[in-house]
Amino acid sequence: MNKIKEVCAVIIETIGSIIGKMGRAFVNFFKHFAQGDKITKLSYVVMGAGCFLRGQKAKGFIYLGIQVCYILFMILSGGYYLSMLPTLGTNQQGEVWNEELQIYQVIKGDNSMLLLLFGVSVVLVTFGIFILYLMSVNTAYKNEVAVKNGEKLLSFKEEWNMLFNEKYHITVLALPVVLTFLFNVLPLIFTICIAFTNYDKMHQPPGNLFTWVGFENFTQVLYQNPLWATTFMRLLTWTLIWAFFATFLNYIFGMLLAMLINKKGIYLKKMWRTIFVITIAVPQFVSLLLMSKLLNDQGSLNNLLISLGWIEDYIPFLTKGNIAKITVIVINCWVGIPYSMLITSGILMNIPQDLYEASKIDGAGPIRQFFSITLPYMLHVTTPYLITQFMGNINNFNVIYLLTAGDPKSLNLYQAGETDLLVTWLYKLTVNEQNYALAATIGIIIFLLLSFISLVTYNNSNAVKGESDFQ
């Protein structure tokens, strides 16, 4: 509980710092207007006025051009999409009877999905223009102060050359930042917005409209809808159990395998390592599909065991709830242990042998050495890797879907099976059920869950607290 409080305190402190900086910027905005001269005040209305009226014509007209383009964009289309954002459309597509042609004609309506997408895009563009507006105002005030102090303002050529020298980082990062907003931030915000709508198979644009419903989807998932809430809690519990065993079984057995291969007296070390590397070279989906066929009710393994007389009826490896869950965990070990072995092999070779020799003198045996030297050292180095693996296993779509497809099915779950994880349930909700609003809600909950676990675990791990250890 104390650790959680510490992480929460760090988050609150960070948010407070951001709010404080925004507050200072807000105060400076009005302070510069009050203290500035006429040219500076004009730049609050006309972007770039504080530049081209003081000799920086190219830079000033670039700011002015941006402002003009934005105004034209808002007049031509941006304003419309922004005005439609609160409703996501009012005219629904339908058919009307044409008396002259004696046929029904389709009357196109609003497309809620496009209105939401373009509306969010306009908001982001407006935010970007506002940042440029603040930069223009700040530049105008700095130019005023520089002129009063008798300083020479930089020419456009000098500022251009600075972008390839002192400010080269801005030049390099400009395109990645734009692409990040375009391909990451925009889809992320769009998905978050979907979670607050009723976008499902009954509200599919352009035939039907969808609209805002607030936090209704979240309350439905958490407690209002019994079937949804039961499905969510059961799948959340199984997802965490799966992620725990899938992560730490692979880690422990991979480490033990690496220790066994590296042990003195083991011959053909390179051959053993090569064998396990070859298993990694086989595409994972091939191994998983092969295992699903092998362990099927009428698969090769069941037929072999029955023909040998070892069993009388097939074993439901993948078709019975608890047995299927154990099976997918074991199969995940098959495909995951070699990765852990390779990662831990290099770290094991770097553990100082003096530690083991000193522990032997003190009477420590192999087990005590493992828990007092090997495991602490490994955890110190690999904690970020473990956190990443745990997060990845929570979202491990391939293993579950290719082995069982989430089956066996259950009437007690909504569009989900006994072995479904939250991420495979999310997939089914989008592809099979077209319930995009519910899927987006599940996605947000998964994100919040992973973020919280990552922050709490990492900030309280030895990798952070004991950075100076084992050096």
Protein backbone atom coordinates (compact mmCIF):
# COMPACT_ATOMS: atom_id res chain seq x y z
CA MET A 1 0.00 0.00 0.00
CA ASN A 2 2.87 2.38 0.82
CA LYS A 3 4.43 1.68 -2.58
CA ILE A 4 1.18 2.49 -4.32
CA LYS A 5 0.96 5.73 -2.33
CA GLU A 6 4.51 6.62 -3.39
CA VAL A 7 3.71 6.07 -7.07
CA CYS A 8 0.49 8.09 -6.74
CA ALA A 9 2.45 10.87 -5.06
CA VAL A 10 4.93 10.92 -7.96
CA ILE A 11 2.08 11.07 -10.49
CA ILE A 12 0.37 13.90 -8.57
CA GLU A 13 3.67 15.77 -8.29
CA THR A 14 4.28 15.43 -12.05
CA ILE A 15 0.77 16.62 -12.87
CA GLY A 16 1.20 19.53 -10.44
CA SER A 17 4.47 20.48 -12.12
CA ILE A 18 2.84 20.47 -15.55
CA ILE A 19 -0.09 22.55 -14.31
CA GLY A 20 2.36 24.97 -12.67
CA LYS A 21 4.27 25.47 -15.93
CA MET A 22 1.03 26.00 -17.82
CA GLY A 23 -0.04 28.53 -15.21
CA ARG A 24 3.22 30.48 -15.52
CA ALA A 25 2.87 30.46 -19.33
CA PHE A 26 -0.69 31.75 -18.96
CA VAL A 27 0.47 34.57 -16.66
CA ASN A 28 3.33 35.51 -19.01
CA PHE A 29 0.89 35.61 -21.94
CA PHE A 30 -1.10 38.45 -20.35
CA LYS A 31 1.97 40.02 -18.76
CA HIS A 32 3.72 40.39 -22.13
CA PHE A 33 0.56 41.91 -23.62
CA ALA A 34 0.38 44.47 -20.84
CA GLN A 35 4.08 45.38 -20.99
CA GLY A 36 4.53 45.19 -24.77
CA ASP A 37 4.44 48.05 -27.24
CA LYS A 38 1.97 48.48 -30.12
CA ILE A 39 3.78 46.04 -32.41
CA THR A 40 3.83 43.36 -29.73
CA LYS A 41 0.15 43.93 -29.01
CA LEU A 42 -0.60 43.71 -32.75
CA SER A 43 1.09 40.27 -32.86
CA TYR A 44 -1.65 39.00 -30.52
CA VAL A 45 -4.08 39.59 -33.41
CA VAL A 46 -1.88 39.16 -36.47
CA MET A 47 0.58 36.29 -36.21
CA GLY A 48 4.10 37.33 -37.22
CA ALA A 49 3.51 41.07 -36.82
CA GLY A 50 6.24 41.21 -34.19
CA CYS A 51 8.64 39.79 -36.77
CA PHE A 52 7.97 41.41 -40.18
CA LEU A 53 7.43 44.87 -38.63
CA ARG A 54 10.86 44.60 -37.04
CA GLY A 55 12.77 43.43 -40.10
CA GLN A 56 12.31 39.65 -39.88
CA LYS A 57 10.09 39.64 -42.96
CA ALA A 58 10.44 36.00 -44.06
CA LYS A 59 9.78 34.61 -40.60
CA GLY A 60 6.90 37.01 -40.00
CA PHE A 61 5.17 36.21 -43.28
CA ILE A 62 5.50 32.47 -42.60
CA TYR A 63 3.59 32.98 -39.35
CA LEU A 64 1.05 35.15 -41.16
CA GLY A 65 0.65 32.57 -43.95
CA ILE A 66 -0.04 29.87 -41.40
CA GLN A 67 -2.72 32.03 -39.76
CA VAL A 68 -4.38 32.81 -43.11
CA CYS A 69 -4.36 29.14 -44.16
CA TYR A 70 -5.89 28.12 -40.84
CA ILE A 71 -8.67 30.72 -41.14
CA LEU A 72 -9.47 29.57 -44.69
CA PHE A 73 -9.41 25.92 -43.56
CA MET A 74 -11.87 26.65 -40.75
CA ILE A 75 -14.18 28.59 -43.09
CA LEU A 76 -14.17 25.96 -45.84
CA SER A 77 -14.42 22.73 -43.83
CA GLY A 78 -12.82 22.77 -40.39
CA GLY A 79 -15.58 24.82 -38.78
CA TYR A 80 -18.24 22.42 -40.08
CA TYR A 81 -16.53 19.34 -38.66
CA LEU A 82 -15.91 21.12 -35.37
CA SER A 83 -19.58 22.13 -35.13
CA MET A 84 -20.70 18.53 -35.83
CA LEU A 85 -18.45 17.06 -33.14
CA PRO A 86 -20.98 17.49 -30.27
CA THR A 87 -23.74 15.62 -32.15
CA LEU A 88 -21.80 13.36 -34.57
CA GLY A 89 -24.47 13.96 -37.17
CA THR A 90 -28.18 14.70 -37.32
CA ASN A 91 -29.28 13.54 -40.79
CA GLN A 92 -29.68 9.77 -41.05
CA GLN A 93 -29.48 7.98 -44.36
CA GLY A 94 -32.79 6.74 -45.71
CA GLU A 95 -35.00 6.14 -48.74
CA VAL A 96 -37.62 8.45 -50.22
CA TRP A 97 -40.17 7.75 -52.97
CA ASN A 98 -39.56 9.65 -56.21
CA GLU A 99 -42.97 10.22 -57.80
CA GLU A 100 -41.49 11.25 -61.14
CA LEU A 101 -39.22 8.22 -61.53
CA GLN A 102 -41.49 5.88 -59.55
CA ILE A 103 -38.53 4.48 -57.58
CA TYR A 104 -37.07 4.74 -54.09
CA GLN A 105 -33.98 6.92 -53.91
CA VAL A 106 -31.34 6.76 -51.22
CA ILE A 107 -30.82 10.05 -49.41
CA LYS A 108 -27.31 10.21 -48.05
CA GLY A 109 -27.00 11.13 -44.40
CA ASP A 110 -24.18 12.09 -42.07
CA ASN A 111 -21.36 9.65 -41.41
CA SER A 112 -20.75 9.70 -37.66
CA MET A 113 -17.40 7.93 -37.91
CA LEU A 114 -15.97 10.42 -40.41
CA LEU A 115 -17.42 13.35 -38.50
CA LEU A 116 -15.70 12.10 -35.33
CA LEU A 117 -12.41 11.44 -37.12
CA PHE A 118 -12.32 14.79 -38.91
CA GLY A 119 -13.56 16.59 -35.80
CA VAL A 120 -10.72 15.15 -33.72
CA SER A 121 -8.30 16.07 -36.52
CA VAL A 122 -9.52 19.67 -36.49
CA VAL A 123 -9.04 19.83 -32.72
CA LEU A 124 -5.45 18.58 -33.06
CA VAL A 125 -4.75 21.02 -35.90
CA THR A 126 -6.19 23.84 -33.80
CA PHE A 127 -3.99 22.80 -30.89
CA GLY A 128 -0.93 22.88 -33.16
CA ILE A 129 -1.86 26.31 -34.51
CA PHE A 130 -2.33 27.55 -30.93
CA ILE A 131 1.20 26.40 -30.09
CA LEU A 132 2.52 28.28 -33.13
CA TYR A 133 0.45 31.31 -32.05
CA LEU A 134 2.09 31.27 -28.62
CA MET A 135 5.51 30.96 -30.29
CA SER A 136 4.69 33.98 -32.47
CA VAL A 137 3.62 36.07 -29.47
CA ASN A 138 6.69 35.01 -27.47
CA THR A 139 8.97 35.84 -30.40
CA ALA A 140 7.36 39.28 -30.75
CA TYR A 141 8.06 40.11 -27.10
CA LYS A 142 11.64 38.81 -27.29
CA ASN A 143 12.23 40.92 -30.41
CA GLU A 144 10.92 44.00 -28.59
CA VAL A 145 13.27 43.42 -25.66
CA ALA A 146 16.20 42.79 -28.01
CA VAL A 147 15.55 46.01 -29.96
CA LYS A 148 15.30 48.03 -26.72
CA ASN A 149 18.65 46.59 -25.62
CA GLY A 150 20.26 47.52 -28.92
CA GLU A 151 20.72 43.93 -30.05
CA LYS A 152 20.60 42.91 -33.70
CA LEU A 153 17.81 40.52 -34.64
CA LEU A 154 18.75 37.34 -36.43
CA SER A 155 18.08 37.21 -40.14
CA PHE A 156 16.13 34.38 -41.77
CA LYS A 157 19.34 32.95 -43.23
CA GLU A 158 21.03 32.93 -39.82
CA GLU A 159 18.03 31.18 -38.20
CA TRP A 160 17.93 28.70 -41.09
CA ASN A 161 21.61 27.86 -40.58
CA MET A 162 20.98 27.40 -36.85
CA LEU A 163 18.52 24.59 -37.69
CA PHE A 164 21.51 22.63 -39.02
CA ASN A 165 23.88 23.56 -36.20
CA GLU A 166 22.79 24.63 -32.70
CA LYS A 167 19.14 23.65 -33.24
CA TYR A 168 19.78 20.56 -35.35
CA HIS A 169 17.80 18.47 -32.84
CA ILE A 170 14.66 20.39 -33.84
CA THR A 171 15.27 19.62 -37.51
CA VAL A 172 15.82 15.93 -36.84
CA LEU A 173 12.84 15.51 -34.51
CA ALA A 174 10.31 17.61 -36.47
CA LEU A 175 9.25 14.88 -38.93
CA PRO A 176 9.10 12.06 -36.32
CA VAL A 177 6.95 14.27 -34.06
CA VAL A 178 4.53 15.05 -36.90
CA LEU A 179 4.31 11.39 -37.92
CA THR A 180 3.81 10.36 -34.29
CA PHE A 181 0.85 12.70 -33.97
CA LEU A 182 -0.52 11.53 -37.32
CA PHE A 183 -0.19 7.77 -36.87
CA ASN A 184 -0.21 7.35 -33.07
CA VAL A 185 -1.82 10.25 -31.24
CA LEU A 186 -4.71 10.77 -33.68
CA PRO A 187 -5.77 7.06 -33.77
CA LEU A 188 -5.36 6.86 -29.99
CA ILE A 189 -7.60 9.87 -29.35
CA PHE A 190 -10.10 8.58 -31.92
CA THR A 191 -10.23 5.19 -30.14
CA ILE A 192 -10.67 6.85 -26.76
CA CYS A 193 -13.55 8.90 -28.16
CA ILE A 194 -15.20 5.74 -29.55
CA ALA A 195 -15.37 4.38 -25.99
CA PHE A 196 -17.74 7.22 -25.08
CA THR A 197 -20.18 6.50 -27.93
CA ASN A 198 -22.69 3.78 -28.77
CA TYR A 199 -20.85 2.67 -31.92
CA ASP A 200 -21.95 -0.97 -32.34
CA LYS A 201 -23.63 -3.19 -34.97
CA MET A 202 -26.93 -1.37 -34.41
CA HIS A 203 -25.32 2.01 -35.09
CA GLN A 204 -23.20 1.43 -38.19
CA PRO A 205 -22.48 4.48 -40.37
CA PRO A 206 -23.37 5.57 -42.98
CA GLY A 207 -26.69 3.69 -42.66
CA ASN A 208 -27.14 4.66 -39.02
CA LEU A 209 -25.75 7.33 -36.74
CA PHE A 210 -24.04 6.85 -33.41
CA THR A 211 -23.79 9.45 -30.68
CA TRP A 212 -22.14 10.23 -27.35
CA VAL A 213 -23.21 8.21 -24.29
CA GLY A 214 -20.70 9.45 -21.73
CA PHE A 215 -19.39 6.86 -19.27
CA GLU A 216 -22.24 4.44 -19.91
CA ASN A 217 -19.97 1.81 -21.52
CA PHE A 218 -17.62 1.85 -18.53
CA THR A 219 -20.43 1.50 -16.00
CA GLN A 220 -21.97 -1.29 -18.09
CA VAL A 221 -18.68 -3.22 -18.14
CA LEU A 222 -17.91 -2.70 -14.48
CA TYR A 223 -21.28 -3.30 -12.80
CA GLN A 224 -24.50 -2.26 -14.57
CA ASN A 225 -24.64 -5.05 -17.16
CA PRO A 226 -24.34 -8.37 -15.24
CA LEU A 227 -23.25 -10.42 -18.27
CA TRP A 228 -20.64 -7.89 -19.40
CA ALA A 229 -19.36 -7.38 -15.84
CA THR A 230 -19.11 -11.14 -15.19
CA THR A 231 -17.28 -11.67 -18.47
CA PHE A 232 -14.88 -8.81 -17.79
CA MET A 233 -14.01 -9.90 -14.24
CA ARG A 234 -13.53 -13.58 -15.20
CA LEU A 235 -11.37 -12.72 -18.19
CA LEU A 236 -9.41 -10.16 -16.18
CA THR A 237 -8.68 -12.77 -13.49
CA TRP A 238 -7.64 -15.37 -16.06
CA THR A 239 -5.55 -12.78 -17.97
CA LEU A 240 -3.54 -11.91 -14.84
CA ILE A 241 -3.10 -15.60 -13.93
CA TRP A 242 -2.01 -16.39 -17.48
CA ALA A 243 0.42 -13.44 -17.61
CA PHE A 244 1.98 -14.41 -14.26
CA PHE A 245 2.66 -18.04 -15.16
CA ALA A 246 3.54 -17.30 -18.78
CA THR A 247 6.14 -14.77 -17.65
CA PHE A 248 7.75 -16.35 -14.60
CA LEU A 249 7.71 -19.99 -15.70
CA ASN A 250 9.52 -19.03 -18.88
CA TYR A 251 11.92 -16.86 -16.91
CA ILE A 252 12.78 -19.41 -14.20
CA PHE A 253 13.02 -22.42 -16.51
CA GLY A 254 14.96 -20.40 -19.08
CA MET A 255 17.42 -19.34 -16.40
CA LEU A 256 17.78 -22.90 -15.07
CA LEU A 257 18.33 -24.18 -18.61
CA ALA A 258 20.99 -21.53 -19.21
CA MET A 259 22.70 -22.44 -15.92
CA LEU A 260 22.62 -26.12 -16.85
CA ILE A 261 24.20 -25.52 -20.27
CA ASN A 262 26.83 -23.17 -18.79
CA LYS A 263 27.68 -25.57 -15.97
CA LYS A 264 31.21 -26.94 -15.90
CA GLY A 265 31.38 -30.51 -17.15
CA ILE A 266 28.59 -30.13 -19.71
CA TYR A 267 29.93 -31.06 -23.13
CA LEU A 268 28.85 -29.68 -26.51
CA LYS A 269 27.58 -26.41 -25.06
CA LYS A 270 27.40 -24.77 -28.49
CA MET A 271 25.35 -27.65 -29.87
CA TRP A 272 22.75 -27.40 -27.08
CA ARG A 273 22.45 -23.65 -27.53
CA THR A 274 22.10 -24.09 -31.30
CA ILE A 275 19.26 -26.59 -30.85
CA PHE A 276 17.26 -24.11 -28.78
CA VAL A 277 18.07 -21.25 -31.15
CA ILE A 278 16.68 -23.32 -34.02
CA THR A 279 13.37 -23.64 -32.18
CA ILE A 280 13.23 -19.83 -32.11
CA ALA A 281 13.97 -19.70 -35.84
CA VAL A 282 10.72 -21.57 -36.54
CA PRO A 283 7.91 -18.96 -36.81
CA GLN A 284 5.84 -19.00 -33.65
CA PHE A 285 2.50 -19.25 -35.46
CA VAL A 286 3.74 -22.44 -37.21
CA SER A 287 4.61 -24.07 -33.87
CA LEU A 288 1.29 -23.02 -32.33
CA LEU A 289 -0.82 -24.25 -35.24
CA LEU A 290 1.08 -27.54 -35.20
CA MET A 291 0.45 -27.91 -31.48
CA SER A 292 -3.26 -27.14 -31.91
CA LYS A 293 -3.57 -29.94 -34.47
CA LEU A 294 -1.46 -32.32 -32.37
CA LEU A 295 -3.52 -31.74 -29.20
CA ASN A 296 -6.92 -31.69 -30.86
CA ASP A 297 -9.57 -34.10 -29.54
CA GLN A 298 -9.08 -36.22 -32.67
CA GLY A 299 -5.45 -35.21 -33.03
CA SER A 300 -2.31 -37.30 -33.35
CA LEU A 301 -1.48 -37.38 -29.64
CA ASN A 302 -4.91 -38.61 -28.53
CA ASN A 303 -5.00 -41.23 -31.32
CA LEU A 304 -1.54 -42.43 -30.36
CA LEU A 305 -2.39 -42.75 -26.66
CA ILE A 306 -5.63 -44.61 -27.46
CA SER A 307 -3.88 -46.97 -29.88
CA LEU A 308 -1.27 -47.76 -27.24
CA GLY A 309 -4.04 -48.52 -24.75
CA TRP A 310 -2.88 -45.91 -22.28
CA ILE A 311 -6.23 -44.08 -22.32
CA GLU A 312 -9.75 -45.19 -23.22
CA ASP A 313 -11.15 -41.85 -24.35
CA TYR A 314 -9.53 -38.71 -25.74
CA ILE A 315 -8.09 -36.10 -23.37
CA PRO A 316 -9.72 -32.64 -23.93
CA PHE A 317 -6.43 -30.74 -24.01
CA LEU A 318 -7.97 -27.71 -25.74
CA THR A 319 -11.72 -28.18 -25.28
CA LYS A 320 -12.25 -28.26 -21.51
CA GLY A 321 -11.87 -25.09 -19.45
CA ASN A 322 -9.22 -25.75 -16.79
CA ILE A 323 -7.35 -28.38 -18.84
CA ALA A 324 -7.19 -25.98 -21.79
CA LYS A 325 -5.83 -23.21 -19.55
CA ILE A 326 -3.07 -25.49 -18.23
CA THR A 327 -2.31 -26.64 -21.78
CA VAL A 328 -1.83 -23.12 -23.18
CA ILE A 329 0.49 -22.25 -20.29
CA VAL A 330 2.61 -25.37 -20.94
CA ILE A 331 2.72 -24.75 -24.70
CA ASN A 332 3.75 -21.15 -24.05
CA CYS A 333 6.70 -22.50 -22.06
CA TRP A 334 7.65 -24.57 -25.11
CA VAL A 335 7.87 -21.50 -27.35
CA GLY A 336 9.09 -19.02 -24.69
CA ILE A 337 11.81 -20.75 -22.68
CA PRO A 338 14.45 -20.56 -25.48
CA TYR A 339 14.13 -16.76 -25.55
CA SER A 340 14.67 -16.54 -21.79
CA MET A 341 17.60 -18.95 -22.05
CA LEU A 342 19.39 -16.72 -24.58
CA ILE A 343 18.76 -13.55 -22.59
CA THR A 344 19.88 -15.00 -19.27
CA SER A 345 22.92 -16.82 -20.72
CA GLY A 346 24.80 -13.62 -21.39
CA ILE A 347 23.95 -12.18 -17.99
CA LEU A 348 25.01 -15.35 -16.16
CA MET A 349 28.44 -15.19 -17.81
CA ASN A 350 28.92 -11.68 -16.42
CA ILE A 351 28.27 -12.54 -12.77
CA PRO A 352 31.62 -12.19 -10.95
CA GLN A 353 32.93 -15.64 -10.06
CA ASP A 354 34.52 -14.18 -6.92
CA LEU A 355 31.05 -14.01 -5.38
CA TYR A 356 30.57 -17.75 -5.81
CA GLU A 357 34.05 -18.58 -4.53
CA ALA A 358 33.57 -16.41 -1.45
CA SER A 359 30.18 -17.99 -0.75
CA LYS A 360 31.69 -21.48 -1.00
CA ILE A 361 34.25 -20.55 1.64
CA ASP A 362 31.36 -19.43 3.86
CA GLY A 363 29.70 -22.80 3.36
CA ALA A 364 26.94 -21.83 0.91
CA GLY A 365 25.61 -24.64 -1.27
CA PRO A 366 24.21 -24.42 -4.84
CA ILE A 367 20.66 -23.60 -3.65
CA ARG A 368 21.83 -20.85 -1.30
CA GLN A 369 24.08 -19.44 -4.05
CA PHE A 370 21.15 -19.37 -6.46
CA PHE A 371 18.84 -17.46 -4.12
CA SER A 372 21.52 -15.17 -2.64
CA ILE A 373 23.68 -14.41 -5.70
CA THR A 374 22.30 -15.60 -9.03
CA LEU A 375 18.64 -14.68 -8.66
CA PRO A 376 19.19 -11.20 -7.09
CA TYR A 377 21.73 -10.34 -9.79
CA MET A 378 19.43 -11.56 -12.55
CA LEU A 379 16.43 -9.68 -11.16
CA HIS A 380 18.51 -6.52 -10.81
CA VAL A 381 19.43 -6.63 -14.50
CA THR A 382 16.28 -8.11 -16.02
CA THR A 383 13.47 -6.42 -14.06
CA PRO A 384 12.63 -4.07 -16.98
CA TYR A 385 12.59 -7.13 -19.25
CA LEU A 386 10.26 -8.97 -16.88
CA ILE A 387 7.89 -6.01 -16.74
CA THR A 388 7.88 -5.84 -20.54
CA GLN A 389 7.23 -9.57 -20.80
CA PHE A 390 4.42 -9.43 -18.27
CA MET A 391 2.77 -6.58 -20.15
CA GLY A 392 3.29 -8.42 -23.43
CA ASN A 393 1.73 -11.61 -22.05
CA ILE A 394 -1.35 -9.70 -20.90
CA ASN A 395 -1.72 -8.75 -24.58
CA ASN A 396 -0.44 -12.08 -25.94
CA PHE A 397 -2.90 -12.59 -28.76
CA ASN A 398 -1.05 -15.25 -30.79
CA VAL A 399 -0.70 -18.06 -28.26
CA ILE A 400 -4.32 -18.05 -27.14
CA TYR A 401 -5.98 -17.41 -30.47
CA LEU A 402 -3.89 -19.84 -32.53
CA LEU A 403 -4.14 -22.65 -29.97
CA THR A 404 -7.75 -22.46 -28.80
CA ALA A 405 -9.29 -19.35 -30.42
CA GLY A 406 -10.51 -18.61 -26.89
CA ASP A 407 -12.56 -21.83 -26.70
CA PRO A 408 -14.25 -23.69 -25.11
CA LYS A 409 -17.27 -21.43 -25.48
CA SER A 410 -19.45 -20.62 -22.49
CA LEU A 411 -23.02 -19.38 -22.18
CA ASN A 412 -22.00 -17.52 -19.03
CA LEU A 413 -19.68 -15.24 -20.99
CA TYR A 414 -20.53 -12.53 -23.50
CA GLN A 415 -18.93 -13.30 -26.89
CA ALA A 416 -16.00 -14.99 -25.15
CA GLY A 417 -14.64 -18.45 -24.32
CA GLU A 418 -13.02 -19.95 -21.24
CA THR A 419 -9.43 -19.32 -22.42
CA ASP A 420 -10.01 -15.87 -23.90
CA LEU A 421 -7.81 -13.07 -22.64
CA LEU A 422 -9.06 -9.50 -22.55
CA VAL A 423 -7.20 -8.80 -25.80
CA THR A 424 -8.75 -11.76 -27.66
CA TRP A 425 -12.17 -10.78 -26.30
CA LEU A 426 -11.55 -7.28 -27.62
CA TYR A 427 -10.71 -8.78 -31.03
CA LYS A 428 -13.93 -10.80 -31.10
CA LEU A 429 -15.99 -7.78 -30.09
CA THR A 430 -14.66 -5.83 -33.07
CA VAL A 431 -14.45 -8.51 -35.78
CA ASN A 432 -17.39 -10.76 -34.91
CA GLU A 433 -19.74 -8.52 -32.94
CA GLN A 434 -18.86 -5.07 -34.41
CA ASN A 435 -19.23 -3.62 -30.93
CA TYR A 436 -16.50 -1.03 -31.35
CA ALA A 437 -17.58 1.08 -28.38
CA LEU A 438 -17.30 -1.83 -25.94
CA ALA A 439 -13.99 -2.92 -27.50
CA ALA A 440 -12.57 0.60 -27.14
CA THR A 441 -13.72 0.64 -23.51
CA ILE A 442 -11.92 -2.65 -22.83
CA GLY A 443 -8.83 -1.26 -24.56
CA ILE A 444 -8.78 1.81 -22.30
CA ILE A 445 -9.20 -0.33 -19.19
CA ILE A 446 -6.33 -2.59 -20.30
CA PHE A 447 -4.15 0.47 -20.89
CA LEU A 448 -4.89 1.91 -17.45
CA LEU A 449 -4.26 -1.47 -15.83
CA LEU A 450 -0.93 -1.99 -17.60
CA SER A 451 0.21 1.55 -16.91
CA PHE A 452 -0.54 1.23 -13.20
CA ILE A 453 1.16 -2.17 -12.86
CA SER A 454 4.20 -0.97 -14.82
CA LEU A 455 4.64 2.20 -12.75
CA VAL A 456 4.20 0.47 -9.39
CA THR A 457 6.47 -2.46 -10.28
CA TYR A 458 9.27 -0.58 -11.98
CA ASN A 459 9.53 2.31 -9.53
CA ASN A 460 9.78 -0.12 -6.61
CA SER A 461 12.18 -2.59 -8.19
CA ASN A 462 15.84 -3.02 -7.31
CA ALA A 463 16.71 -1.97 -10.86
CA VAL A 464 15.66 1.58 -9.88
CA LYS A 465 16.35 1.67 -6.13
CA GLY A 466 19.71 -0.11 -6.32
CA GLU A 467 21.23 1.39 -9.44
CA SER A 468 24.70 1.36 -7.90
CA ASP A 469 24.57 -2.33 -6.91
CA PHE A 470 26.47 -5.06 -8.78
CA GLN A 471 28.84 -2.63 -10.47
